[in-house]
C-alpha atoms as a PDB file:
ATOM      1  CA  GLY A   1       6.458 -21.060   4.414  1.00  0.00           C
ATOM      2  CA  GLU A   2       7.094 -17.475   5.158  1.00  0.00           C
ATOM      3  CA  LEU A   3       5.300 -14.654   3.443  1.00  0.00           C
ATOM      4  CA  SER A   4       6.908 -11.275   2.898  1.00  0.00           C
ATOM      5  CA  ILE A   5       4.828  -8.168   2.445  1.00  0.00           C
ATOM      6  CA  VAL A   6       6.215  -4.821   1.361  1.00  0.00           C
ATOM      7  CA  ILE A   7       3.996  -1.769   1.583  1.00  0.00           C
ATOM      8  CA  ALA A   8       4.941   1.335  -0.381  1.00  0.00           C
ATOM      9  CA  ILE A   9       3.198   4.428   0.939  1.00  0.00           C
ATOM     10  CA  GLY A  10       2.981   7.255  -1.559  1.00  0.00           C
ATOM     11  CA  PRO A  11       3.040  10.988  -1.009  1.00  0.00           C
ATOM     12  CA  GLU A  12      -0.141  12.826  -0.075  1.00  0.00           C
ATOM     13  CA  GLY A  13      -0.254  14.168  -3.634  1.00  0.00           C
ATOM     14  CA  GLY A  14      -0.415  10.637  -5.018  1.00  0.00           C
ATOM     15  CA  TRP A  15       1.827   8.539  -7.239  1.00  0.00           C
ATOM     16  CA  THR A  16       2.640   9.589 -10.776  1.00  0.00           C
ATOM     17  CA  ASP A  17       1.700   7.205 -13.572  1.00  0.00           C
ATOM     18  CA  ALA A  18       5.416   6.567 -14.172  1.00  0.00           C
ATOM     19  CA  GLU A  19       5.981   5.680 -10.504  1.00  0.00           C
ATOM     20  CA  VAL A  20       3.069   3.238 -10.514  1.00  0.00           C
ATOM     21  CA  LYS A  21       4.274   1.644 -13.741  1.00  0.00           C
ATOM     22  CA  ARG A  22       7.792   1.222 -12.338  1.00  0.00           C
ATOM     23  CA  ALA A  23       6.506  -0.284  -9.089  1.00  0.00           C
ATOM     24  CA  ILE A  24       4.431  -2.802 -11.051  1.00  0.00           C
ATOM     25  CA  GLU A  25       7.529  -3.713 -13.069  1.00  0.00           C
ATOM     26  CA  PHE A  26       9.217  -4.559  -9.748  1.00  0.00           C
ATOM     27  CA  GLY A  27       6.359  -6.837  -8.728  1.00  0.00           C
ATOM     28  CA  PHE A  28       4.185  -4.518  -6.676  1.00  0.00           C
ATOM     29  CA  GLU A  29       0.430  -4.929  -6.871  1.00  0.00           C
ATOM     30  CA  PRO A  30      -1.362  -1.581  -6.626  1.00  0.00           C
ATOM     31  CA  VAL A  31      -4.048  -1.339  -3.959  1.00  0.00           C
ATOM     32  CA  SER A  32      -6.224   1.677  -3.294  1.00  0.00           C
ATOM     33  CA  LEU A  33      -8.461   2.809  -0.466  1.00  0.00           C
ATOM     34  CA  GLY A  34     -10.677   4.506  -3.030  1.00  0.00           C
ATOM     35  CA  SER A  35     -11.021   8.268  -3.167  1.00  0.00           C
ATOM     36  CA  ARG A  36      -9.749   8.745   0.373  1.00  0.00           C
ATOM     37  CA  ILE A  37      -6.541  10.729   0.708  1.00  0.00           C
ATOM     38  CA  LEU A  38      -4.736   9.957   3.947  1.00  0.00           C
ATOM     39  CA  ARG A  39      -1.930  11.932   5.506  1.00  0.00           C
ATOM     40  CA  ALA A  40       1.501  10.401   4.997  1.00  0.00           C
ATOM     41  CA  VAL A  41       1.791   9.734   8.742  1.00  0.00           C
ATOM     42  CA  THR A  42      -1.643   8.071   8.916  1.00  0.00           C
ATOM     43  CA  ALA A  43      -1.440   5.864   5.817  1.00  0.00           C
ATOM     44  CA  PRO A  44       1.125   3.377   7.237  1.00  0.00           C
ATOM     45  CA  ILE A  45      -0.996   2.836  10.352  1.00  0.00           C
ATOM     46  CA  VAL A  46      -4.082   2.139   8.250  1.00  0.00           C
ATOM     47  CA  ALA A  47      -2.156  -0.140   5.868  1.00  0.00           C
ATOM     48  CA  LEU A  48      -0.645  -2.217   8.668  1.00  0.00           C
ATOM     49  CA  SER A  49      -4.018  -2.469  10.409  1.00  0.00           C
ATOM     50  CA  LEU A  50      -5.669  -3.774   7.233  1.00  0.00           C
ATOM     51  CA  VAL A  51      -2.908  -6.316   6.600  1.00  0.00           C
ATOM     52  CA  GLY A  52      -3.024  -7.459  10.214  1.00  0.00           C
ATOM     53  CA  ALA A  53      -6.799  -7.870  10.111  1.00  0.00           C
ATOM     54  CA  ALA A  54      -6.599  -9.845   6.861  1.00  0.00           C
ATOM     55  CA  PHE A  55      -4.094 -12.295   8.322  1.00  0.00           C
ATOM     56  CA  GLU A  56      -6.046 -12.792  11.543  1.00  0.00           C
ATOM     57  CA  LYS A  57      -8.745 -14.406   9.402  1.00  0.00           C
ATOM     58  CA  CYS A  58      -6.308 -16.999   7.991  1.00  0.00           C
END
């Protein structure tokens, strides 16, 4: 079967608690890179690289 992945990249200032709660209500699973704060233009590249690396192992 096919697997769909949706990545929601937040603003550099972070997500509000209300935004996180709403995303979870819509089925998102929060994932964090820890205390690192990435620029909004860098975060998608990192996220896609991590997803790609994870699926290469499958």
